[in-house]
């Protein structure tokens, strides 16, 4: 895959059918560039981990959080058994509750995971150069190609929600259940799209807070201002320009 040119305007959106089926959907998106792995994020992780601990202590279990309950209802609506296929934030919270911390992988992944457990909503981080743009969250046709972290190729079921690019590559399975290894952040990643999606009753109030928290952390750690937006059915498109290396 060739890297996008510096003048390219890239687009991310959700298919209109998703907005119709899930009118409660509130996506937050950020575009960040100039990344590298040689940073310290202990302060930021500690802050978000403390927030997650407080919420778990108050709720007693991640399954009692309204954000998680909303995603369970969405999975059921899509014909998925919610305790078999959990959204990414629920899986992270379960591990965090049992082990007291999450494994360190890469500073940006670690930050995304910490924000995810603090706000109890899924946060996906995609390497911009590993996507054939535009990228849309839509129902899969069944022919899309998904690369697991093991390197094996899978095909989403027809009707399954995925992040699908112009080349027919699926960058997620079962919407927010599992991200693809193909576009996952790696040491050489320099530019990303960060997507968070919420469905709970106060998502419209909570998502801007999440986006701002991520922006502030990116500024603190990497020293740049991310472009961001909270999408709606009326304004469903996020357009951004890539930066040259």
Protein backbone atom coordinates (compact mmCIF):
# COMPACT_ATOMS: atom_id res chain seq x y z
CA UNK A 1 0.00 0.00 0.00
CA UNK A 2 1.34 3.41 -0.91
CA UNK A 3 1.38 6.11 1.73
CA UNK A 4 -1.18 8.91 1.26
CA UNK A 5 0.17 12.16 -0.17
CA UNK A 6 0.48 15.26 1.98
CA UNK A 7 -2.40 16.91 0.06
CA UNK A 8 -4.85 14.04 0.53
CA UNK A 9 -8.13 14.78 2.29
CA UNK A 10 -9.23 11.59 4.04
CA UNK A 11 -12.72 10.77 5.24
CA UNK A 12 -14.27 8.70 8.02
CA UNK A 13 -17.99 8.19 8.53
CA UNK A 14 -20.79 5.87 9.64
CA UNK A 15 -23.22 4.49 7.07
CA UNK A 16 -26.71 6.08 7.18
CA UNK A 17 -28.22 2.67 7.99
CA UNK A 18 -26.30 2.60 11.28
CA UNK A 19 -27.64 6.02 12.25
CA UNK A 20 -31.15 4.75 11.48
CA UNK A 21 -30.78 1.57 13.51
CA UNK A 22 -28.84 3.23 16.35
CA UNK A 23 -30.01 6.86 16.60
CA UNK A 24 -28.44 7.03 20.08
CA UNK A 25 -24.93 6.62 18.57
CA UNK A 26 -22.38 9.31 19.50
CA UNK A 27 -18.93 8.92 17.87
CA UNK A 28 -15.92 10.98 18.86
CA UNK A 29 -12.96 11.13 16.45
CA UNK A 30 -9.44 12.55 16.56
CA UNK A 31 -6.65 12.78 14.01
CA UNK A 32 -3.14 12.94 15.44
CA UNK A 33 0.27 13.00 13.79
CA UNK A 34 3.92 13.25 14.80
CA UNK A 35 3.73 10.18 17.02
CA UNK A 36 6.60 8.08 18.32
CA UNK A 37 7.04 5.56 21.11
CA UNK A 38 9.81 7.34 23.03
CA UNK A 39 7.56 9.03 25.57
CA UNK A 40 6.54 8.62 29.20
CA UNK A 41 2.83 8.36 29.94
CA UNK A 42 2.81 7.17 33.56
CA UNK A 43 1.11 10.34 34.81
CA UNK A 44 -1.69 10.12 32.25
CA UNK A 45 -2.26 6.40 32.80
CA UNK A 46 -2.41 6.87 36.57
CA UNK A 47 -5.06 9.57 36.16
CA UNK A 48 -7.32 7.49 33.93
CA UNK A 49 -6.75 4.29 35.91
CA UNK A 50 -7.85 6.08 39.09
CA UNK A 51 -11.00 7.21 37.31
CA UNK A 52 -11.70 3.63 36.21
CA UNK A 53 -11.13 2.27 39.74
CA UNK A 54 -13.55 4.80 41.20
CA UNK A 55 -16.24 3.90 38.70
CA UNK A 56 -15.80 0.16 39.24
CA UNK A 57 -15.87 0.59 43.00
CA UNK A 58 -19.10 2.55 42.78
CA UNK A 59 -20.75 0.19 40.27
CA UNK A 60 -19.40 -3.06 41.71
CA UNK A 61 -18.87 -4.55 38.26
CA UNK A 62 -18.29 -3.31 34.72
CA UNK A 63 -21.56 -4.97 33.65
CA UNK A 64 -23.46 -2.47 35.83
CA UNK A 65 -22.08 0.58 34.05
CA UNK A 66 -24.62 2.25 31.73
CA UNK A 67 -22.05 2.52 28.93
CA UNK A 68 -21.47 -1.24 28.97
CA UNK A 69 -25.17 -2.03 29.28
CA UNK A 70 -25.84 0.09 26.19
CA UNK A 71 -23.28 -1.84 24.14
CA UNK A 72 -24.73 -5.14 25.39
CA UNK A 73 -28.15 -4.05 24.13
CA UNK A 74 -26.63 -3.08 20.78
CA UNK A 75 -24.90 -6.45 20.41
CA UNK A 76 -28.16 -8.24 21.24
CA UNK A 77 -29.93 -6.12 18.63
CA UNK A 78 -27.33 -7.28 16.09
CA UNK A 79 -27.96 -10.91 16.99
CA UNK A 80 -24.80 -11.35 19.08
CA UNK A 81 -24.69 -12.92 22.52
CA UNK A 82 -23.33 -10.05 24.66
CA UNK A 83 -21.52 -12.27 27.15
CA UNK A 84 -19.78 -14.13 24.31
CA UNK A 85 -18.86 -11.09 22.26
CA UNK A 86 -18.07 -8.15 24.53
CA UNK A 87 -17.26 -4.65 23.39
CA UNK A 88 -13.59 -3.78 23.79
CA UNK A 89 -14.12 -1.50 26.79
CA UNK A 90 -15.95 -4.21 28.72
CA UNK A 91 -13.15 -6.71 28.04
CA UNK A 92 -10.54 -4.18 29.19
CA UNK A 93 -12.50 -3.32 32.32
CA UNK A 94 -12.90 -7.00 33.22
CA UNK A 95 -9.15 -7.51 32.97
CA UNK A 96 -8.41 -4.30 34.86
CA UNK A 97 -10.79 -5.27 37.67
CA UNK A 98 -9.25 -8.73 38.03
CA UNK A 99 -5.57 -7.80 37.61
CA UNK A 100 -5.46 -4.21 38.82
CA UNK A 101 -3.69 -2.94 35.72
CA UNK A 102 -3.49 -3.39 31.96
CA UNK A 103 -0.43 -4.67 30.09
CA UNK A 104 1.83 -2.08 28.45
CA UNK A 105 1.96 -2.42 24.65
CA UNK A 106 2.75 0.96 23.07
CA UNK A 107 2.32 4.43 24.62
CA UNK A 108 -0.55 5.37 22.33
CA UNK A 109 -2.32 2.02 22.69
CA UNK A 110 -1.85 2.21 26.45
CA UNK A 111 -3.34 5.70 26.48
CA UNK A 112 -6.31 4.64 24.38
CA UNK A 113 -6.95 1.66 26.65
CA UNK A 114 -6.72 3.84 29.75
CA UNK A 115 -9.22 6.34 28.35
CA UNK A 116 -11.46 3.44 27.35
CA UNK A 117 -11.66 2.04 30.88
CA UNK A 118 -11.98 5.49 32.44
CA UNK A 119 -15.03 6.31 30.31
CA UNK A 120 -16.20 2.70 29.81
CA UNK A 121 -16.52 3.11 26.04
CA UNK A 122 -14.52 1.53 23.19
CA UNK A 123 -11.57 3.47 21.79
CA UNK A 124 -10.00 2.30 18.52
CA UNK A 125 -6.66 3.62 17.28
CA UNK A 126 -5.89 3.04 13.59
CA UNK A 127 -2.65 3.66 11.71
CA UNK A 128 -3.62 6.12 8.95
CA UNK A 129 -1.11 4.68 6.48
CA UNK A 130 -2.56 1.17 6.86
CA UNK A 131 -6.03 2.17 5.65
CA UNK A 132 -7.24 2.60 2.06
CA UNK A 133 -9.40 5.68 2.45
CA UNK A 134 -12.25 6.50 2.79
CA UNK A 135 -13.15 4.43 5.86
CA UNK A 136 -16.76 3.76 6.85
CA UNK A 137 -18.43 1.91 9.69
CA UNK A 138 -21.11 -0.18 7.96
CA UNK A 139 -22.72 -3.58 7.66
CA UNK A 140 -20.31 -6.05 6.08
CA UNK A 141 -21.23 -7.93 2.92
CA UNK A 142 -19.24 -10.99 3.96
CA UNK A 143 -16.51 -10.65 1.34
CA UNK A 144 -14.34 -8.20 3.32
CA UNK A 145 -10.90 -9.31 4.51
CA UNK A 146 -9.99 -9.04 8.19
CA UNK A 147 -6.47 -9.73 9.45
CA UNK A 148 -6.37 -11.08 13.00
CA UNK A 149 -3.43 -10.32 15.30
CA UNK A 150 -2.30 -13.89 14.63
CA UNK A 151 -1.91 -12.98 10.96
CA UNK A 152 -4.79 -15.21 9.87
CA UNK A 153 -7.34 -13.81 7.43
CA UNK A 154 -11.02 -13.90 8.39
CA UNK A 155 -14.19 -12.71 6.70
CA UNK A 156 -16.84 -10.85 8.71
CA UNK A 157 -20.30 -12.35 8.51
CA UNK A 158 -22.75 -10.67 6.17
CA UNK A 159 -24.59 -8.04 8.20
CA UNK A 160 -21.85 -7.76 10.79
CA UNK A 161 -20.80 -4.20 11.59
CA UNK A 162 -17.20 -3.39 10.72
CA UNK A 163 -14.87 -0.54 9.80
CA UNK A 164 -14.50 -1.11 6.04
CA UNK A 165 -12.09 0.73 3.76
CA UNK A 166 -12.06 1.35 0.00
CA UNK A 167 -10.09 -1.84 -0.65
CA UNK A 168 -12.66 -4.02 1.10
CA UNK A 169 -10.51 -4.55 4.15
CA UNK A 170 -12.32 -4.90 7.48
CA UNK A 171 -10.55 -3.17 10.36
CA UNK A 172 -12.81 -4.56 13.10
CA UNK A 173 -14.93 -7.60 13.91
CA UNK A 174 -18.40 -7.25 15.41
CA UNK A 175 -18.20 -3.45 15.50
CA UNK A 176 -16.36 -2.74 18.77
CA UNK A 177 -15.50 -6.31 19.78
CA UNK A 178 -12.09 -6.73 18.20
CA UNK A 179 -9.80 -4.50 16.15
CA UNK A 180 -7.72 -5.71 13.21
CA UNK A 181 -4.01 -6.37 13.50
CA UNK A 182 -3.52 -4.85 10.04
CA UNK A 183 -4.07 -1.22 11.07
CA UNK A 184 -3.03 -1.53 14.70
CA UNK A 185 -0.45 0.89 16.08
CA UNK A 186 3.15 -0.31 15.76
CA UNK A 187 6.53 1.24 16.55
CA UNK A 188 6.76 2.90 13.13
CA UNK A 189 3.27 4.45 13.33
CA UNK A 190 3.39 8.22 12.99
CA UNK A 191 -0.21 9.20 12.23
CA UNK A 192 -3.48 7.82 13.59
CA UNK A 193 -7.23 8.12 13.59
CA UNK A 194 -8.76 7.57 17.02
CA UNK A 195 -12.43 6.60 17.14
CA UNK A 196 -14.60 6.26 20.23
CA UNK A 197 -18.28 5.30 20.04
CA UNK A 198 -20.93 5.46 22.75
CA UNK A 199 -24.60 4.54 22.91
CA UNK A 200 -25.69 5.25 26.49
CA UNK A 201 -28.23 7.87 27.55
CA UNK A 202 -25.71 10.60 28.44
CA UNK A 203 -23.31 9.89 25.57
CA UNK A 204 -23.92 13.27 23.95
CA UNK A 205 -22.67 14.95 27.14
CA UNK A 206 -19.90 12.45 27.92
CA UNK A 207 -18.25 12.10 24.51
CA UNK A 208 -17.00 15.72 24.26
CA UNK A 209 -15.41 15.24 27.71
CA UNK A 210 -13.67 12.06 26.51
CA UNK A 211 -12.44 13.74 23.33
CA UNK A 212 -11.10 16.71 25.30
CA UNK A 213 -9.35 14.39 27.77
CA UNK A 214 -7.66 12.59 24.90
CA UNK A 215 -6.65 15.86 23.24
CA UNK A 216 -5.12 17.16 26.45
CA UNK A 217 -3.18 13.94 26.99
CA UNK A 218 -1.88 13.95 23.41
CA UNK A 219 -0.77 17.56 23.92
CA UNK A 220 0.92 16.74 27.22
CA UNK A 221 2.76 13.68 25.91
CA UNK A 222 3.51 14.44 22.26
CA UNK A 223 3.17 18.21 22.24
CA UNK A 224 0.68 18.68 19.42
CA UNK A 225 -2.95 19.66 18.97
CA UNK A 226 -5.14 16.91 17.52
CA UNK A 227 -7.98 17.67 15.13
CA UNK A 228 -11.24 16.34 16.56
CA UNK A 229 -14.99 16.19 16.19
CA UNK A 230 -18.08 14.65 17.72
CA UNK A 231 -20.16 13.27 14.85
CA UNK A 232 -23.95 13.25 14.49
CA UNK A 233 -26.46 11.90 11.98
CA UNK A 234 -26.71 15.44 10.60
CA UNK A 235 -22.92 15.84 10.41
CA UNK A 236 -21.60 12.27 10.03
CA UNK A 237 -18.37 12.93 8.15
CA UNK A 238 -14.90 13.57 9.60
CA UNK A 239 -12.47 14.91 7.00
CA UNK A 240 -8.79 15.50 7.69
CA UNK A 241 -5.57 16.08 5.76
CA UNK A 242 -2.59 13.79 6.22
CA UNK A 243 0.87 15.09 7.04
CA UNK A 244 4.07 14.13 5.28
CA UNK A 245 6.88 12.51 7.22
